[in-house]
Amino acid sequence: MKACEIFHVPHKKGYRWKWRHTGGDGRTLVESDESYALYYECLTAAREAGYEPRQRAPAGAEHN
């Protein structure tokens, strides 16, 4: 599976989730057309499209 990232986008008074696959230069190559109300829905949609979300480091991990 190719790696992707899940990110939030503004929606009305809150936010929703989308996923995207980026190239080595940081350019977006593929992005979900839909946005998802739940993180888990977005994660599932990314996997169904053949992408595996990258694991984010816990907050503050880069300082250890």
PDB file of N, CA and C in Angstrom:
ATOM      1  N   MET A   1       0.831  -1.179   0.000  1.00  0.00           N
ATOM      2  CA  MET A   1       0.000   0.000   0.000  1.00  0.00           C
ATOM      3  C   MET A   1       0.880   1.249   0.000  1.00  0.00           C
ATOM      4  N   LYS A   2       0.397   2.291  -0.628  1.00  0.00           N
ATOM      5  CA  LYS A   2       1.087   3.570  -0.630  1.00  0.00           C
ATOM      6  C   LYS A   2       0.713   4.332   0.634  1.00  0.00           C
ATOM      7  N   ALA A   3       1.635   5.168   1.088  1.00  0.00           N
ATOM      8  CA  ALA A   3       1.392   5.956   2.305  1.00  0.00           C
ATOM      9  C   ALA A   3       0.546   7.190   1.988  1.00  0.00           C
ATOM     10  N   CYS A   4      -0.249   7.595   2.953  1.00  0.00           N
ATOM     11  CA  CYS A   4      -1.026   8.826   2.833  1.00  0.00           C
ATOM     12  C   CYS A   4      -1.093   9.490   4.196  1.00  0.00           C
ATOM     13  N   GLU A   5      -1.607  10.691   4.210  1.00  0.00           N
ATOM     14  CA  GLU A   5      -1.823  11.380   5.469  1.00  0.00           C
ATOM     15  C   GLU A   5      -3.287  11.765   5.571  1.00  0.00           C
ATOM     16  N   ILE A   6      -3.769  11.843   6.793  1.00  0.00           N
ATOM     17  CA  ILE A   6      -5.143  12.262   7.052  1.00  0.00           C
ATOM     18  C   ILE A   6      -5.059  13.638   7.699  1.00  0.00           C
ATOM     19  N   PHE A   7      -5.889  14.554   7.225  1.00  0.00           N
ATOM     20  CA  PHE A   7      -5.849  15.923   7.721  1.00  0.00           C
ATOM     21  C   PHE A   7      -7.265  16.469   7.840  1.00  0.00           C
ATOM     22  N   HIS A   8      -7.425  17.519   8.612  1.00  0.00           N
ATOM     23  CA  HIS A   8      -8.753  18.103   8.784  1.00  0.00           C
ATOM     24  C   HIS A   8      -8.911  19.324   7.877  1.00  0.00           C
ATOM     25  N   VAL A   9     -10.151  19.566   7.488  1.00  0.00           N
ATOM     26  CA  VAL A   9     -10.504  20.717   6.658  1.00  0.00           C
ATOM     27  C   VAL A   9     -11.680  21.434   7.309  1.00  0.00           C
ATOM     28  N   PRO A  10     -11.736  22.756   7.195  1.00  0.00           N
ATOM     29  CA  PRO A  10     -12.864  23.504   7.777  1.00  0.00           C
ATOM     30  C   PRO A  10     -14.182  23.088   7.139  1.00  0.00           C
ATOM     31  N   HIS A  11     -15.213  23.041   7.960  1.00  0.00           N
ATOM     32  CA  HIS A  11     -16.553  22.696   7.483  1.00  0.00           C
ATOM     33  C   HIS A  11     -17.575  23.350   8.400  1.00  0.00           C
ATOM     34  N   LYS A  12     -18.315  24.298   7.876  1.00  0.00           N
ATOM     35  CA  LYS A  12     -19.302  25.048   8.658  1.00  0.00           C
ATOM     36  C   LYS A  12     -18.639  25.591   9.922  1.00  0.00           C
ATOM     37  N   LYS A  13     -19.118  25.204  11.092  1.00  0.00           N
ATOM     38  CA  LYS A  13     -18.522  25.696  12.347  1.00  0.00           C
ATOM     39  C   LYS A  13     -17.552  24.696  12.966  1.00  0.00           C
ATOM     40  N   GLY A  14     -17.179  23.684  12.223  1.00  0.00           N
ATOM     41  CA  GLY A  14     -16.275  22.661  12.734  1.00  0.00           C
ATOM     42  C   GLY A  14     -15.275  22.248  11.671  1.00  0.00           C
ATOM     43  N   TYR A  15     -15.056  20.957  11.560  1.00  0.00           N
ATOM     44  CA  TYR A  15     -14.142  20.433  10.566  1.00  0.00           C
ATOM     45  C   TYR A  15     -14.537  19.023  10.180  1.00  0.00           C
ATOM     46  N   ARG A  16     -13.964  18.554   9.079  1.00  0.00           N
ATOM     47  CA  ARG A  16     -14.136  17.185   8.599  1.00  0.00           C
ATOM     48  C   ARG A  16     -12.756  16.667   8.229  1.00  0.00           C
ATOM     49  N   TRP A  17     -12.661  15.405   7.831  1.00  0.00           N
ATOM     50  CA  TRP A  17     -11.389  14.757   7.537  1.00  0.00           C
ATOM     51  C   TRP A  17     -11.272  14.398   6.062  1.00  0.00           C
ATOM     52  N   LYS A  18     -10.052  14.508   5.526  1.00  0.00           N
ATOM     53  CA  LYS A  18      -9.737  14.076   4.168  1.00  0.00           C
ATOM     54  C   LYS A  18      -8.403  13.341   4.218  1.00  0.00           C
ATOM     55  N   TRP A  19      -8.078  12.584   3.179  1.00  0.00           N
ATOM     56  CA  TRP A  19      -6.777  11.948   3.078  1.00  0.00           C
ATOM     57  C   TRP A  19      -6.115  12.382   1.771  1.00  0.00           C
ATOM     58  N   ARG A  20      -4.772  12.339   1.752  1.00  0.00           N
ATOM     59  CA  ARG A  20      -4.028  12.662   0.540  1.00  0.00           C
ATOM     60  C   ARG A  20      -2.715  11.894   0.492  1.00  0.00           C
ATOM     61  N   HIS A  21      -2.295  11.616  -0.717  1.00  0.00           N
ATOM     62  CA  HIS A  21      -1.013  10.954  -0.984  1.00  0.00           C
ATOM     63  C   HIS A  21      -0.114  12.001  -1.615  1.00  0.00           C
ATOM     64  N   THR A  22       1.096  12.181  -1.075  1.00  0.00           N
ATOM     65  CA  THR A  22       2.014  13.185  -1.599  1.00  0.00           C
ATOM     66  C   THR A  22       3.261  12.524  -2.175  1.00  0.00           C
ATOM     67  N   GLY A  23       3.877  13.217  -3.119  1.00  0.00           N
ATOM     68  CA  GLY A  23       5.121  12.745  -3.705  1.00  0.00           C
ATOM     69  C   GLY A  23       6.297  13.103  -2.808  1.00  0.00           C
ATOM     70  N   GLY A  24       7.464  12.664  -3.193  1.00  0.00           N
ATOM     71  CA  GLY A  24       8.676  12.937  -2.425  1.00  0.00           C
ATOM     72  C   GLY A  24       8.978  14.418  -2.303  1.00  0.00           C
ATOM     73  N   ASP A  25       8.475  15.208  -3.238  1.00  0.00           N
ATOM     74  CA  ASP A  25       8.701  16.653  -3.206  1.00  0.00           C
ATOM     75  C   ASP A  25       7.630  17.391  -2.396  1.00  0.00           C
ATOM     76  N   GLY A  26       6.703  16.639  -1.792  1.00  0.00           N
ATOM     77  CA  GLY A  26       5.664  17.242  -0.977  1.00  0.00           C
ATOM     78  C   GLY A  26       4.417  17.656  -1.745  1.00  0.00           C
ATOM     79  N   ARG A  27       4.435  17.479  -3.061  1.00  0.00           N
ATOM     80  CA  ARG A  27       3.291  17.840  -3.899  1.00  0.00           C
ATOM     81  C   ARG A  27       2.185  16.800  -3.746  1.00  0.00           C
ATOM     82  N   THR A  28       0.932  17.250  -3.645  1.00  0.00           N
ATOM     83  CA  THR A  28      -0.198  16.337  -3.533  1.00  0.00           C
ATOM     84  C   THR A  28      -0.421  15.647  -4.869  1.00  0.00           C
ATOM     85  N   LEU A  29      -0.407  14.311  -4.856  1.00  0.00           N
ATOM     86  CA  LEU A  29      -0.622  13.531  -6.066  1.00  0.00           C
ATOM     87  C   LEU A  29      -2.063  13.042  -6.164  1.00  0.00           C
ATOM     88  N   VAL A  30      -2.625  12.632  -5.032  1.00  0.00           N
ATOM     89  CA  VAL A  30      -4.007  12.137  -4.972  1.00  0.00           C
ATOM     90  C   VAL A  30      -4.625  12.657  -3.677  1.00  0.00           C
ATOM     91  N   GLU A  31      -5.864  13.112  -3.753  1.00  0.00           N
ATOM     92  CA  GLU A  31      -6.577  13.561  -2.561  1.00  0.00           C
ATOM     93  C   GLU A  31      -8.007  13.063  -2.638  1.00  0.00           C
ATOM     94  N   SER A  32      -8.569  12.700  -1.495  1.00  0.00           N
ATOM     95  CA  SER A  32      -9.945  12.221  -1.477  1.00  0.00           C
ATOM     96  C   SER A  32     -10.883  13.319  -1.971  1.00  0.00           C
ATOM     97  N   ASP A  33     -11.859  12.927  -2.770  1.00  0.00           N
ATOM     98  CA  ASP A  33     -12.868  13.872  -3.250  1.00  0.00           C
ATOM     99  C   ASP A  33     -13.828  14.228  -2.122  1.00  0.00           C
ATOM    100  N   GLU A  34     -14.132  13.251  -1.308  1.00  0.00           N
ATOM    101  CA  GLU A  34     -15.074  13.444  -0.197  1.00  0.00           C
ATOM    102  C   GLU A  34     -14.339  13.867   1.065  1.00  0.00           C
ATOM    103  N   SER A  35     -15.073  14.503   1.951  1.00  0.00           N
ATOM    104  CA  SER A  35     -14.586  14.718   3.310  1.00  0.00           C
ATOM    105  C   SER A  35     -15.462  13.864   4.218  1.00  0.00           C
ATOM    106  N   TYR A  36     -14.944  13.523   5.373  1.00  0.00           N
ATOM    107  CA  TYR A  36     -15.617  12.580   6.267  1.00  0.00           C
ATOM    108  C   TYR A  36     -15.817  13.196   7.643  1.00  0.00           C
ATOM    109  N   ALA A  37     -16.975  12.947   8.216  1.00  0.00           N
ATOM    110  CA  ALA A  37     -17.296  13.483   9.535  1.00  0.00           C
ATOM    111  C   ALA A  37     -16.437  12.845  10.620  1.00  0.00           C
ATOM    112  N   LEU A  38     -16.124  11.577  10.461  1.00  0.00           N
ATOM    113  CA  LEU A  38     -15.361  10.844  11.463  1.00  0.00           C
ATOM    114  C   LEU A  38     -13.991  10.453  10.938  1.00  0.00           C
ATOM    115  N   TYR A  39     -12.978  10.570  11.790  1.00  0.00           N
ATOM    116  CA  TYR A  39     -11.612  10.181  11.431  1.00  0.00           C
ATOM    117  C   TYR A  39     -11.596   8.738  10.931  1.00  0.00           C
ATOM    118  N   TYR A  40     -12.288   7.868  11.631  1.00  0.00           N
ATOM    119  CA  TYR A  40     -12.299   6.456  11.275  1.00  0.00           C
ATOM    120  C   TYR A  40     -12.879   6.229   9.881  1.00  0.00           C
ATOM    121  N   GLU A  41     -13.895   6.982   9.495  1.00  0.00           N
ATOM    122  CA  GLU A  41     -14.457   6.854   8.145  1.00  0.00           C
ATOM    123  C   GLU A  41     -13.417   7.222   7.098  1.00  0.00           C
ATOM    124  N   CYS A  42     -12.649   8.252   7.374  1.00  0.00           N
ATOM    125  CA  CYS A  42     -11.604   8.688   6.452  1.00  0.00           C
ATOM    126  C   CYS A  42     -10.502   7.633   6.356  1.00  0.00           C
ATOM    127  N   LEU A  43     -10.090   7.100   7.472  1.00  0.00           N
ATOM    128  CA  LEU A  43      -9.069   6.056   7.508  1.00  0.00           C
ATOM    129  C   LEU A  43      -9.517   4.846   6.687  1.00  0.00           C
ATOM    130  N   THR A  44     -10.753   4.433   6.859  1.00  0.00           N
ATOM    131  CA  THR A  44     -11.303   3.294   6.129  1.00  0.00           C
ATOM    132  C   THR A  44     -11.350   3.578   4.635  1.00  0.00           C
ATOM    133  N   ALA A  45     -11.769   4.771   4.244  1.00  0.00           N
ATOM    134  CA  ALA A  45     -11.841   5.142   2.829  1.00  0.00           C
ATOM    135  C   ALA A  45     -10.453   5.145   2.204  1.00  0.00           C
ATOM    136  N   ALA A  46      -9.455   5.640   2.915  1.00  0.00           N
ATOM    137  CA  ALA A  46      -8.084   5.647   2.409  1.00  0.00           C
ATOM    138  C   ALA A  46      -7.603   4.214   2.174  1.00  0.00           C
ATOM    139  N   ARG A  47      -7.844   3.340   3.116  1.00  0.00           N
ATOM    140  CA  ARG A  47      -7.431   1.944   2.967  1.00  0.00           C
ATOM    141  C   ARG A  47      -8.156   1.266   1.811  1.00  0.00           C
ATOM    142  N   GLU A  48      -9.440   1.562   1.632  1.00  0.00           N
ATOM    143  CA  GLU A  48     -10.195   0.982   0.519  1.00  0.00           C
ATOM    144  C   GLU A  48      -9.654   1.461  -0.827  1.00  0.00           C
ATOM    145  N   ALA A  49      -9.061   2.651  -0.848  1.00  0.00           N
ATOM    146  CA  ALA A  49      -8.479   3.203  -2.070  1.00  0.00           C
ATOM    147  C   ALA A  49      -7.038   2.716  -2.289  1.00  0.00           C
ATOM    148  N   GLY A  50      -6.509   1.932  -1.341  1.00  0.00           N
ATOM    149  CA  GLY A  50      -5.169   1.369  -1.487  1.00  0.00           C
ATOM    150  C   GLY A  50      -4.069   2.167  -0.809  1.00  0.00           C
ATOM    151  N   TYR A  51      -4.424   2.998   0.154  1.00  0.00           N
ATOM    152  CA  TYR A  51      -3.453   3.822   0.869  1.00  0.00           C
ATOM    153  C   TYR A  51      -3.472   3.495   2.350  1.00  0.00           C
ATOM    154  N   GLU A  52      -2.316   3.577   2.973  1.00  0.00           N
ATOM    155  CA  GLU A  52      -2.202   3.320   4.407  1.00  0.00           C
ATOM    156  C   GLU A  52      -1.776   4.614   5.101  1.00  0.00           C
ATOM    157  N   PRO A  53      -2.596   5.122   6.002  1.00  0.00           N
ATOM    158  CA  PRO A  53      -2.245   6.361   6.699  1.00  0.00           C
ATOM    159  C   PRO A  53      -0.954   6.230   7.500  1.00  0.00           C
ATOM    160  N   ARG A  54      -0.124   7.255   7.421  1.00  0.00           N
ATOM    161  CA  ARG A  54       1.116   7.303   8.202  1.00  0.00           C
ATOM    162  C   ARG A  54       0.769   7.504   9.662  1.00  0.00           C
ATOM    163  N   GLN A  55       1.569   6.935  10.529  1.00  0.00           N
ATOM    164  CA  GLN A  55       1.398   7.133  11.968  1.00  0.00           C
ATOM    165  C   GLN A  55       2.064   8.435  12.352  1.00  0.00           C
ATOM    166  N   ARG A  56       1.346   9.284  13.068  1.00  0.00           N
ATOM    167  CA  ARG A  56       1.925  10.536  13.548  1.00  0.00           C
ATOM    168  C   ARG A  56       2.651  10.281  14.847  1.00  0.00           C
ATOM    169  N   ALA A  57       3.748  11.014  15.039  1.00  0.00           N
ATOM    170  CA  ALA A  57       4.488  10.935  16.298  1.00  0.00           C
ATOM    171  C   ALA A  57       3.669  11.631  17.383  1.00  0.00           C
ATOM    172  N   PRO A  58       3.683  11.107  18.599  1.00  0.00           N
ATOM    173  CA  PRO A  58       2.973  11.773  19.694  1.00  0.00           C
ATOM    174  C   PRO A  58       3.503  13.192  19.882  1.00  0.00           C
ATOM    175  N   ALA A  59       2.662  14.080  20.352  1.00  0.00           N
ATOM    176  CA  ALA A  59       3.067  15.470  20.588  1.00  0.00           C
ATOM    177  C   ALA A  59       4.266  15.512  21.513  1.00  0.00           C
ATOM    178  N   GLY A  60       5.258  16.273  21.145  1.00  0.00           N
ATOM    179  CA  GLY A  60       6.466  16.412  21.957  1.00  0.00           C
ATOM    180  C   GLY A  60       7.498  15.328  21.708  1.00  0.00           C
ATOM    181  N   ALA A  61       7.213  14.346  20.883  1.00  0.00           N
ATOM    182  CA  ALA A  61       8.137  13.228  20.649  1.00  0.00           C
ATOM    183  C   ALA A  61       9.427  13.704  19.979  1.00  0.00           C
ATOM    184  N   GLU A  62       9.342  14.771  19.166  1.00  0.00           N
ATOM    185  CA  GLU A  62      10.528  15.239  18.476  1.00  0.00           C
ATOM    186  C   GLU A  62      11.530  15.897  19.419  1.00  0.00           C
ATOM    187  N   HIS A  63      11.137  16.135  20.659  1.00  0.00           N
ATOM    188  CA  HIS A  63      12.013  16.772  21.627  1.00  0.00           C
ATOM    189  C   HIS A  63      12.700  15.770  22.534  1.00  0.00           C
ATOM    190  N   ASN A  64      12.429  14.490  22.379  1.00  0.00           N
ATOM    191  CA  ASN A  64      13.027  13.466  23.256  1.00  0.00           C
ATOM    192  C   ASN A  64      14.373  13.048  22.766  1.00  0.00           C
TER     193      ASN A  64
END
